[in-house]
PDB file of N, CA and C in Angstrom:
ATOM      1  N   UNK A   1     383.590  34.804 135.515  1.00  0.00           N
ATOM      2  CA  UNK A   1     384.941  34.974 136.016  1.00  0.00           C
ATOM      3  C   UNK A   1     385.931  34.464 134.966  1.00  0.00           C
ATOM      4  N   UNK A   2     386.944  35.251 134.698  1.00  0.00           N
ATOM      5  CA  UNK A   2     387.939  34.916 133.686  1.00  0.00           C
ATOM      6  C   UNK A   2     389.054  34.056 134.289  1.00  0.00           C
ATOM      7  N   UNK A   3     389.419  32.995 133.573  1.00  0.00           N
ATOM      8  CA  UNK A   3     390.482  32.109 134.041  1.00  0.00           C
ATOM      9  C   UNK A   3     391.787  32.337 133.296  1.00  0.00           C
ATOM     10  N   UNK A   4     391.880  33.435 132.573  1.00  0.00           N
ATOM     11  CA  UNK A   4     393.103  33.729 131.839  1.00  0.00           C
ATOM     12  C   UNK A   4     393.438  35.204 131.966  1.00  0.00           C
ATOM     13  N   UNK A   5     394.680  35.517 131.746  1.00  0.00           N
ATOM     14  CA  UNK A   5     395.144  36.902 131.755  1.00  0.00           C
ATOM     15  C   UNK A   5     395.633  37.237 130.356  1.00  0.00           C
ATOM     16  N   UNK A   6     395.046  38.252 129.766  1.00  0.00           N
ATOM     17  CA  UNK A   6     395.413  38.651 128.404  1.00  0.00           C
ATOM     18  C   UNK A   6     396.838  39.207 128.399  1.00  0.00           C
ATOM     19  N   UNK A   7     397.648  38.704 127.505  1.00  0.00           N
ATOM     20  CA  UNK A   7     399.031  39.158 127.389  1.00  0.00           C
ATOM     21  C   UNK A   7     399.169  40.301 126.401  1.00  0.00           C
ATOM     22  N   UNK A   8     398.452  40.214 125.290  1.00  0.00           N
ATOM     23  CA  UNK A   8     398.449  41.293 124.310  1.00  0.00           C
ATOM     24  C   UNK A   8     397.257  41.127 123.396  1.00  0.00           C
ATOM     25  N   UNK A   9     396.876  42.232 122.771  1.00  0.00           N
ATOM     26  CA  UNK A   9     395.774  42.246 121.805  1.00  0.00           C
ATOM     27  C   UNK A   9     396.077  43.396 120.857  1.00  0.00           C
ATOM     28  N   UNK A  10     396.798  43.105 119.805  1.00  0.00           N
ATOM     29  CA  UNK A  10     397.274  44.121 118.872  1.00  0.00           C
ATOM     30  C   UNK A  10     396.625  43.946 117.507  1.00  0.00           C
ATOM     31  N   UNK A  11     396.397  45.055 116.843  1.00  0.00           N
ATOM     32  CA  UNK A  11     395.931  45.033 115.461  1.00  0.00           C
ATOM     33  C   UNK A  11     396.984  45.723 114.617  1.00  0.00           C
ATOM     34  N   UNK A  12     397.297  45.130 113.490  1.00  0.00           N
ATOM     35  CA  UNK A  12     398.350  45.667 112.631  1.00  0.00           C
ATOM     36  C   UNK A  12     398.011  45.349 111.179  1.00  0.00           C
ATOM     37  N   UNK A  13     398.320  46.273 110.302  1.00  0.00           N
ATOM     38  CA  UNK A  13     398.219  45.987 108.871  1.00  0.00           C
ATOM     39  C   UNK A  13     399.534  45.325 108.470  1.00  0.00           C
ATOM     40  N   UNK A  14     399.443  44.071 108.150  1.00  0.00           N
ATOM     41  CA  UNK A  14     400.651  43.313 107.824  1.00  0.00           C
ATOM     42  C   UNK A  14     400.790  43.169 106.315  1.00  0.00           C
ATOM     43  N   UNK A  15     402.017  43.113 105.879  1.00  0.00           N
ATOM     44  CA  UNK A  15     402.313  42.850 104.472  1.00  0.00           C
ATOM     45  C   UNK A  15     402.521  41.347 104.324  1.00  0.00           C
ATOM     46  N   UNK A  16     401.900  40.769 103.311  1.00  0.00           N
ATOM     47  CA  UNK A  16     402.031  39.334 103.061  1.00  0.00           C
ATOM     48  C   UNK A  16     402.584  39.134 101.658  1.00  0.00           C
ATOM     49  N   UNK A  17     403.565  38.279 101.556  1.00  0.00           N
ATOM     50  CA  UNK A  17     404.150  37.940 100.255  1.00  0.00           C
ATOM     51  C   UNK A  17     403.906  36.454 100.011  1.00  0.00           C
ATOM     52  N   UNK A  18     403.413  36.130  98.845  1.00  0.00           N
ATOM     53  CA  UNK A  18     403.182  34.739  98.476  1.00  0.00           C
ATOM     54  C   UNK A  18     404.251  34.339  97.472  1.00  0.00           C
ATOM     55  N   UNK A  19     404.983  33.283  97.797  1.00  0.00           N
ATOM     56  CA  UNK A  19     406.070  32.825  96.936  1.00  0.00           C
ATOM     57  C   UNK A  19     405.971  31.316  96.759  1.00  0.00           C
ATOM     58  N   UNK A  20     406.415  30.853  95.616  1.00  0.00           N
ATOM     59  CA  UNK A  20     406.421  29.427  95.359  1.00  0.00           C
ATOM     60  C   UNK A  20     407.600  29.067  94.487  1.00  0.00           C
ATOM     61  N   UNK A  21     408.023  27.836  94.606  1.00  0.00           N
ATOM     62  CA  UNK A  21     409.120  27.365  93.763  1.00  0.00           C
ATOM     63  C   UNK A  21     409.017  25.861  93.619  1.00  0.00           C
ATOM     64  N   UNK A  22     409.723  25.353  92.650  1.00  0.00           N
ATOM     65  CA  UNK A  22     409.795  23.915  92.433  1.00  0.00           C
ATOM     66  C   UNK A  22     411.270  23.527  92.389  1.00  0.00           C
ATOM     67  N   UNK A  23     411.582  22.384  92.976  1.00  0.00           N
ATOM     68  CA  UNK A  23     412.950  21.852  92.947  1.00  0.00           C
ATOM     69  C   UNK A  23     412.868  20.378  92.566  1.00  0.00           C
ATOM     70  N   UNK A  24     414.011  19.720  92.563  1.00  0.00           N
ATOM     71  CA  UNK A  24     414.027  18.284  92.288  1.00  0.00           C
ATOM     72  C   UNK A  24     413.231  17.511  93.342  1.00  0.00           C
ATOM     73  N   UNK A  25     413.084  18.107  94.521  1.00  0.00           N
ATOM     74  CA  UNK A  25     412.408  17.439  95.634  1.00  0.00           C
ATOM     75  C   UNK A  25     410.891  17.616  95.606  1.00  0.00           C
ATOM     76  N   UNK A  26     410.390  18.678  94.964  1.00  0.00           N
ATOM     77  CA  UNK A  26     408.942  18.902  94.935  1.00  0.00           C
ATOM     78  C   UNK A  26     408.580  20.358  94.726  1.00  0.00           C
ATOM     79  N   UNK A  27     407.307  20.664  94.930  1.00  0.00           N
ATOM     80  CA  UNK A  27     406.780  22.022  94.794  1.00  0.00           C
ATOM     81  C   UNK A  27     406.508  22.577  96.190  1.00  0.00           C
ATOM     82  N   UNK A  28     406.761  23.881  96.351  1.00  0.00           N
ATOM     83  CA  UNK A  28     406.607  24.534  97.645  1.00  0.00           C
ATOM     84  C   UNK A  28     405.912  25.870  97.442  1.00  0.00           C
ATOM     85  N   UNK A  29     404.924  26.142  98.279  1.00  0.00           N
ATOM     86  CA  UNK A  29     404.197  27.409  98.253  1.00  0.00           C
ATOM     87  C   UNK A  29     404.158  27.946  99.677  1.00  0.00           C
ATOM     88  N   UNK A  30     404.598  29.192  99.842  1.00  0.00           N
ATOM     89  CA  UNK A  30     404.645  29.797 101.166  1.00  0.00           C
ATOM     90  C   UNK A  30     403.981  31.162 101.161  1.00  0.00           C
ATOM     91  N   UNK A  31     403.396  31.508 102.292  1.00  0.00           N
ATOM     92  CA  UNK A  31     402.964  32.866 102.573  1.00  0.00           C
ATOM     93  C   UNK A  31     403.896  33.395 103.643  1.00  0.00           C
ATOM     94  N   UNK A  32     404.470  34.557 103.420  1.00  0.00           N
ATOM     95  CA  UNK A  32     405.379  35.159 104.396  1.00  0.00           C
ATOM     96  C   UNK A  32     404.713  36.424 104.907  1.00  0.00           C
ATOM     97  N   UNK A  33     404.360  36.427 106.194  1.00  0.00           N
ATOM     98  CA  UNK A  33     403.651  37.541 106.822  1.00  0.00           C
ATOM     99  C   UNK A  33     404.676  38.390 107.563  1.00  0.00           C
ATOM    100  N   UNK A  34     404.874  39.610 107.069  1.00  0.00           N
ATOM    101  CA  UNK A  34     405.819  40.542 107.686  1.00  0.00           C
ATOM    102  C   UNK A  34     405.076  41.346 108.741  1.00  0.00           C
ATOM    103  N   UNK A  35     405.620  41.397 109.951  1.00  0.00           N
ATOM    104  CA  UNK A  35     404.971  42.074 111.060  1.00  0.00           C
ATOM    105  C   UNK A  35     406.017  42.738 111.948  1.00  0.00           C
ATOM    106  N   UNK A  36     405.564  43.690 112.747  1.00  0.00           N
ATOM    107  CA  UNK A  36     406.456  44.320 113.725  1.00  0.00           C
ATOM    108  C   UNK A  36     406.404  43.576 115.062  1.00  0.00           C
ATOM    109  N   UNK A  37     405.524  42.614 115.155  1.00  0.00           N
ATOM    110  CA  UNK A  37     405.427  41.799 116.367  1.00  0.00           C
ATOM    111  C   UNK A  37     406.522  40.722 116.331  1.00  0.00           C
ATOM    112  N   UNK A  38     406.707  40.061 117.440  1.00  0.00           N
ATOM    113  CA  UNK A  38     407.589  38.890 117.526  1.00  0.00           C
ATOM    114  C   UNK A  38     409.025  39.203 117.118  1.00  0.00           C
ATOM    115  N   UNK A  39     409.512  40.362 117.568  1.00  0.00           N
ATOM    116  CA  UNK A  39     410.892  40.782 117.326  1.00  0.00           C
ATOM    117  C   UNK A  39     411.236  40.837 115.850  1.00  0.00           C
ATOM    118  N   UNK A  40     410.238  41.117 115.023  1.00  0.00           N
ATOM    119  CA  UNK A  40     410.468  41.284 113.598  1.00  0.00           C
ATOM    120  C   UNK A  40     410.569  39.996 112.806  1.00  0.00           C
ATOM    121  N   UNK A  41     410.388  38.856 113.469  1.00  0.00           N
ATOM    122  CA  UNK A  41     410.446  37.585 112.739  1.00  0.00           C
ATOM    123  C   UNK A  41     409.167  37.423 111.927  1.00  0.00           C
ATOM    124  N   UNK A  42     409.279  37.186 110.634  1.00  0.00           N
ATOM    125  CA  UNK A  42     408.071  36.953 109.844  1.00  0.00           C
ATOM    126  C   UNK A  42     407.494  35.562 110.116  1.00  0.00           C
ATOM    127  N   UNK A  43     406.187  35.461 109.938  1.00  0.00           N
ATOM    128  CA  UNK A  43     405.494  34.192 110.057  1.00  0.00           C
ATOM    129  C   UNK A  43     405.515  33.535 108.685  1.00  0.00           C
ATOM    130  N   UNK A  44     406.146  32.381 108.581  1.00  0.00           N
ATOM    131  CA  UNK A  44     406.280  31.672 107.304  1.00  0.00           C
ATOM    132  C   UNK A  44     405.310  30.491 107.323  1.00  0.00           C
ATOM    133  N   UNK A  45     404.311  30.552 106.428  1.00  0.00           N
ATOM    134  CA  UNK A  45     403.241  29.558 106.391  1.00  0.00           C
ATOM    135  C   UNK A  45     403.370  28.709 105.132  1.00  0.00           C
ATOM    136  N   UNK A  46     403.410  27.399 105.293  1.00  0.00           N
ATOM    137  CA  UNK A  46     403.364  26.493 104.149  1.00  0.00           C
ATOM    138  C   UNK A  46     401.910  26.421 103.707  1.00  0.00           C
ATOM    139  N   UNK A  47     401.630  26.853 102.500  1.00  0.00           N
ATOM    140  CA  UNK A  47     400.258  26.902 102.019  1.00  0.00           C
ATOM    141  C   UNK A  47     399.705  25.522 101.682  1.00  0.00           C
ATOM    142  N   UNK A  48     400.560  24.526 101.587  1.00  0.00           N
ATOM    143  CA  UNK A  48     400.102  23.170 101.286  1.00  0.00           C
ATOM    144  C   UNK A  48     399.687  22.412 102.545  1.00  0.00           C
ATOM    145  N   UNK A  49     400.402  22.632 103.644  1.00  0.00           N
ATOM    146  CA  UNK A  49     400.124  21.887 104.876  1.00  0.00           C
ATOM    147  C   UNK A  49     399.514  22.746 105.974  1.00  0.00           C
ATOM    148  N   UNK A  50     399.663  24.073 105.871  1.00  0.00           N
ATOM    149  CA  UNK A  50     399.188  24.960 106.921  1.00  0.00           C
ATOM    150  C   UNK A  50     400.158  25.081 108.081  1.00  0.00           C
ATOM    151  N   UNK A  51     401.266  24.377 108.023  1.00  0.00           N
ATOM    152  CA  UNK A  51     402.257  24.459 109.099  1.00  0.00           C
ATOM    153  C   UNK A  51     403.000  25.783 108.992  1.00  0.00           C
ATOM    154  N   UNK A  52     403.290  26.381 110.152  1.00  0.00           N
ATOM    155  CA  UNK A  52     403.918  27.701 110.127  1.00  0.00           C
ATOM    156  C   UNK A  52     404.882  27.856 111.292  1.00  0.00           C
ATOM    157  N   UNK A  53     405.749  28.851 111.148  1.00  0.00           N
ATOM    158  CA  UNK A  53     406.716  29.151 112.189  1.00  0.00           C
ATOM    159  C   UNK A  53     407.203  30.581 112.018  1.00  0.00           C
ATOM    160  N   UNK A  54     407.605  31.194 113.120  1.00  0.00           N
ATOM    161  CA  UNK A  54     408.288  32.480 113.078  1.00  0.00           C
ATOM    162  C   UNK A  54     409.750  32.186 112.779  1.00  0.00           C
ATOM    163  N   UNK A  55     410.278  32.772 111.707  1.00  0.00           N
ATOM    164  CA  UNK A  55     411.642  32.447 111.287  1.00  0.00           C
ATOM    165  C   UNK A  55     412.480  33.693 111.046  1.00  0.00           C
ATOM    166  N   UNK A  56     413.686  33.673 111.572  1.00  0.00           N
ATOM    167  CA  UNK A  56     414.691  34.685 111.249  1.00  0.00           C
ATOM    168  C   UNK A  56     415.684  34.059 110.276  1.00  0.00           C
ATOM    169  N   UNK A  57     416.596  34.866 109.770  1.00  0.00           N
ATOM    170  CA  UNK A  57     417.647  34.336 108.896  1.00  0.00           C
ATOM    171  C   UNK A  57     418.443  33.246 109.618  1.00  0.00           C
ATOM    172  N   UNK A  58     418.712  33.453 110.905  1.00  0.00           N
ATOM    173  CA  UNK A  58     419.474  32.467 111.670  1.00  0.00           C
ATOM    174  C   UNK A  58     418.691  31.162 111.822  1.00  0.00           C
ATOM    175  N   UNK A  59     417.384  31.267 112.040  1.00  0.00           N
ATOM    176  CA  UNK A  59     416.551  30.070 112.194  1.00  0.00           C
ATOM    177  C   UNK A  59     416.555  29.218 110.933  1.00  0.00           C
ATOM    178  N   UNK A  60     416.621  29.861 109.792  1.00  0.00           N
ATOM    179  CA  UNK A  60     416.556  29.161 108.507  1.00  0.00           C
ATOM    180  C   UNK A  60     417.766  28.248 108.308  1.00  0.00           C
ATOM    181  N   UNK A  61     418.869  28.546 108.985  1.00  0.00           N
ATOM    182  CA  UNK A  61     420.079  27.724 108.869  1.00  0.00           C
ATOM    183  C   UNK A  61     419.958  26.376 109.583  1.00  0.00           C
ATOM    184  N   UNK A  62     418.987  26.223 110.464  1.00  0.00           N
ATOM    185  CA  UNK A  62     418.825  24.995 111.246  1.00  0.00           C
ATOM    186  C   UNK A  62     417.977  24.010 110.447  1.00  0.00           C
ATOM    187  N   UNK A  63     418.651  23.218 109.628  1.00  0.00           N
ATOM    188  CA  UNK A  63     417.957  22.331 108.693  1.00  0.00           C
ATOM    189  C   UNK A  63     417.067  21.304 109.384  1.00  0.00           C
ATOM    190  N   UNK A  64     417.500  20.801 110.533  1.00  0.00           N
ATOM    191  CA  UNK A  64     416.677  19.819 111.239  1.00  0.00           C
ATOM    192  C   UNK A  64     415.350  20.441 111.657  1.00  0.00           C
ATOM    193  N   UNK A  65     415.393  21.688 112.104  1.00  0.00           N
ATOM    194  CA  UNK A  65     414.163  22.379 112.506  1.00  0.00           C
ATOM    195  C   UNK A  65     413.262  22.640 111.307  1.00  0.00           C
ATOM    196  N   UNK A  66     413.844  23.084 110.201  1.00  0.00           N
ATOM    197  CA  UNK A  66     413.060  23.328 108.982  1.00  0.00           C
ATOM    198  C   UNK A  66     412.397  22.030 108.532  1.00  0.00           C
ATOM    199  N   UNK A  67     413.143  20.945 108.573  1.00  0.00           N
ATOM    200  CA  UNK A  67     412.604  19.645 108.157  1.00  0.00           C
ATOM    201  C   UNK A  67     411.447  19.221 109.063  1.00  0.00           C
ATOM    202  N   UNK A  68     411.603  19.413 110.369  1.00  0.00           N
ATOM    203  CA  UNK A  68     410.564  19.014 111.323  1.00  0.00           C
ATOM    204  C   UNK A  68     409.335  19.919 111.229  1.00  0.00           C
ATOM    205  N   UNK A  69     409.552  21.230 111.205  1.00  0.00           N
ATOM    206  CA  UNK A  69     408.439  22.186 111.194  1.00  0.00           C
ATOM    207  C   UNK A  69     407.546  21.985 109.982  1.00  0.00           C
ATOM    208  N   UNK A  70     408.158  21.856 108.820  1.00  0.00           N
ATOM    209  CA  UNK A  70     407.382  21.774 107.581  1.00  0.00           C
ATOM    210  C   UNK A  70     407.181  20.333 107.097  1.00  0.00           C
ATOM    211  N   UNK A  71     407.521  19.376 107.953  1.00  0.00           N
ATOM    212  CA  UNK A  71     407.338  17.948 107.673  1.00  0.00           C
ATOM    213  C   UNK A  71     407.920  17.545 106.316  1.00  0.00           C
ATOM    214  N   UNK A  72     409.174  17.923 106.109  1.00  0.00           N
ATOM    215  CA  UNK A  72     409.858  17.594 104.860  1.00  0.00           C
ATOM    216  C   UNK A  72     410.458  16.197 104.965  1.00  0.00           C
ATOM    217  N   UNK A  73     410.541  15.510 103.859  1.00  0.00           N
ATOM    218  CA  UNK A  73     410.931  14.097 103.850  1.00  0.00           C
ATOM    219  C   UNK A  73     412.425  13.860 103.992  1.00  0.00           C
ATOM    220  N   UNK A  74     413.239  14.836 103.591  1.00  0.00           N
ATOM    221  CA  UNK A  74     414.683  14.592 103.602  1.00  0.00           C
ATOM    222  C   UNK A  74     415.446  15.866 103.946  1.00  0.00           C
ATOM    223  N   UNK A  75     416.712  15.656 104.280  1.00  0.00           N
ATOM    224  CA  UNK A  75     417.588  16.796 104.550  1.00  0.00           C
ATOM    225  C   UNK A  75     417.803  17.604 103.268  1.00  0.00           C
ATOM    226  N   UNK A  76     417.863  16.934 102.118  1.00  0.00           N
ATOM    227  CA  UNK A  76     418.010  17.645 100.844  1.00  0.00           C
ATOM    228  C   UNK A  76     416.818  18.567 100.598  1.00  0.00           C
ATOM    229  N   UNK A  77     415.638  18.092 100.938  1.00  0.00           N
ATOM    230  CA  UNK A  77     414.434  18.908 100.793  1.00  0.00           C
ATOM    231  C   UNK A  77     414.503  20.111 101.736  1.00  0.00           C
ATOM    232  N   UNK A  78     414.946  19.885 102.966  1.00  0.00           N
ATOM    233  CA  UNK A  78     415.106  20.973 103.933  1.00  0.00           C
ATOM    234  C   UNK A  78     416.139  21.981 103.442  1.00  0.00           C
ATOM    235  N   UNK A  79     417.208  21.501 102.825  1.00  0.00           N
ATOM    236  CA  UNK A  79     418.239  22.397 102.287  1.00  0.00           C
ATOM    237  C   UNK A  79     417.672  23.254 101.163  1.00  0.00           C
ATOM    238  N   UNK A  80     416.866  22.670 100.286  1.00  0.00           N
ATOM    239  CA  UNK A  80     416.258  23.424  99.181  1.00  0.00           C
ATOM    240  C   UNK A  80     415.336  24.512  99.715  1.00  0.00           C
ATOM    241  N   UNK A  81     414.520  24.175 100.714  1.00  0.00           N
ATOM    242  CA  UNK A  81     413.611  25.164 101.308  1.00  0.00           C
ATOM    243  C   UNK A  81     414.413  26.243 102.021  1.00  0.00           C
ATOM    244  N   UNK A  82     415.439  25.851 102.762  1.00  0.00           N
ATOM    245  CA  UNK A  82     416.293  26.810 103.463  1.00  0.00           C
ATOM    246  C   UNK A  82     416.943  27.785 102.489  1.00  0.00           C
ATOM    247  N   UNK A  83     417.504  27.277 101.410  1.00  0.00           N
ATOM    248  CA  UNK A  83     418.137  28.145 100.408  1.00  0.00           C
ATOM    249  C   UNK A  83     417.140  29.139  99.834  1.00  0.00           C
ATOM    250  N   UNK A  84     415.949  28.679  99.542  1.00  0.00           N
ATOM    251  CA  UNK A  84     414.914  29.548  98.983  1.00  0.00           C
ATOM    252  C   UNK A  84     414.504  30.623  99.991  1.00  0.00           C
ATOM    253  N   UNK A  85     414.253  30.218 101.235  1.00  0.00           N
ATOM    254  CA  UNK A  85     413.805  31.179 102.245  1.00  0.00           C
ATOM    255  C   UNK A  85     414.867  32.222 102.555  1.00  0.00           C
ATOM    256  N   UNK A  86     416.146  31.854 102.437  1.00  0.00           N
ATOM    257  CA  UNK A  86     417.214  32.835 102.670  1.00  0.00           C
ATOM    258  C   UNK A  86     417.072  34.041 101.750  1.00  0.00           C
ATOM    259  N   UNK A  87     416.517  33.850 100.577  1.00  0.00           N
ATOM    260  CA  UNK A  87     416.356  34.948  99.623  1.00  0.00           C
ATOM    261  C   UNK A  87     415.051  35.711  99.812  1.00  0.00           C
ATOM    262  N   UNK A  88     414.152  35.218 100.668  1.00  0.00           N
ATOM    263  CA  UNK A  88     412.836  35.835 100.789  1.00  0.00           C
ATOM    264  C   UNK A  88     412.469  36.293 102.196  1.00  0.00           C
ATOM    265  N   UNK A  89     413.207  35.851 103.198  1.00  0.00           N
ATOM    266  CA  UNK A  89     412.953  36.285 104.573  1.00  0.00           C
ATOM    267  C   UNK A  89     413.944  37.395 104.899  1.00  0.00           C
ATOM    268  N   UNK A  90     413.446  38.557 105.340  1.00  0.00           N
ATOM    269  CA  UNK A  90     414.347  39.682 105.604  1.00  0.00           C
ATOM    270  C   UNK A  90     415.210  39.438 106.832  1.00  0.00           C
ATOM    271  N   UNK A  91     416.320  40.125 106.884  1.00  0.00           N
ATOM    272  CA  UNK A  91     417.227  40.049 108.016  1.00  0.00           C
ATOM    273  C   UNK A  91     416.856  41.157 108.991  1.00  0.00           C
ATOM    274  N   UNK A  92     415.883  40.877 109.842  1.00  0.00           N
ATOM    275  CA  UNK A  92     415.416  41.845 110.827  1.00  0.00           C
ATOM    276  C   UNK A  92     415.807  41.374 112.208  1.00  0.00           C
ATOM    277  N   UNK A  93     415.809  42.311 113.137  1.00  0.00           N
ATOM    278  CA  UNK A  93     416.143  41.945 114.503  1.00  0.00           C
ATOM    279  C   UNK A  93     415.192  42.572 115.485  1.00  0.00           C
ATOM    280  N   UNK A  94     415.647  42.710 116.707  1.00  0.00           N
ATOM    281  CA  UNK A  94     414.803  43.242 117.768  1.00  0.00           C
ATOM    282  C   UNK A  94     414.395  44.681 117.515  1.00  0.00           C
ATOM    283  N   UNK A  95     415.117  45.400 116.674  1.00  0.00           N
ATOM    284  CA  UNK A  95     414.777  46.799 116.431  1.00  0.00           C
ATOM    285  C   UNK A  95     413.381  46.954 115.849  1.00  0.00           C
ATOM    286  N   UNK A  96     412.877  45.966 115.168  1.00  0.00           N
ATOM    287  CA  UNK A  96     411.537  46.050 114.579  1.00  0.00           C
ATOM    288  C   UNK A  96     410.482  46.184 115.667  1.00  0.00           C
ATOM    289  N   UNK A  97     410.612  45.440 116.753  1.00  0.00           N
ATOM    290  CA  UNK A  97     409.634  45.530 117.826  1.00  0.00           C
ATOM    291  C   UNK A  97     409.861  46.780 118.659  1.00  0.00           C
ATOM    292  N   UNK A  98     411.111  47.167 118.865  1.00  0.00           N
ATOM    293  CA  UNK A  98     411.412  48.360 119.643  1.00  0.00           C
ATOM    294  C   UNK A  98     410.852  49.593 118.952  1.00  0.00           C
ATOM    295  N   UNK A  99     410.960  49.670 117.620  1.00  0.00           N
ATOM    296  CA  UNK A  99     410.455  50.816 116.875  1.00  0.00           C
ATOM    297  C   UNK A  99     408.954  50.964 117.007  1.00  0.00           C
ATOM    298  N   UNK A 100     408.229  49.869 117.186  1.00  0.00           N
ATOM    299  CA  UNK A 100     406.776  49.944 117.239  1.00  0.00           C
ATOM    300  C   UNK A 100     406.269  50.376 118.609  1.00  0.00           C
ATOM    301  N   UNK A 101     407.141  50.415 119.610  1.00  0.00           N
ATOM    302  CA  UNK A 101     406.715  50.794 120.965  1.00  0.00           C
ATOM    303  C   UNK A 101     406.525  52.282 121.106  1.00  0.00           C
TER     304      UNK A 101
END
């Protein structure tokens, strides 16, 4: 007897971009998984810690969240990561998921 109800089970060929940069605060390596799931928000994975989050352009502006999610030591470090991600995370919206239906 099953004690759970499946919500979704999708297979998709996703595009992944690997990017890295260095700043005064340290070195950063990310994998950005582009998908049509999750309202078009890409999955941004820190390759050093394994911590990840679905991020939109708007989410990237929330420095406290970026600092907490990726366990960054300072607001300056969060600002550096935010600035970098702004150039690498696409500005997608709900249309990405609607198109796939």
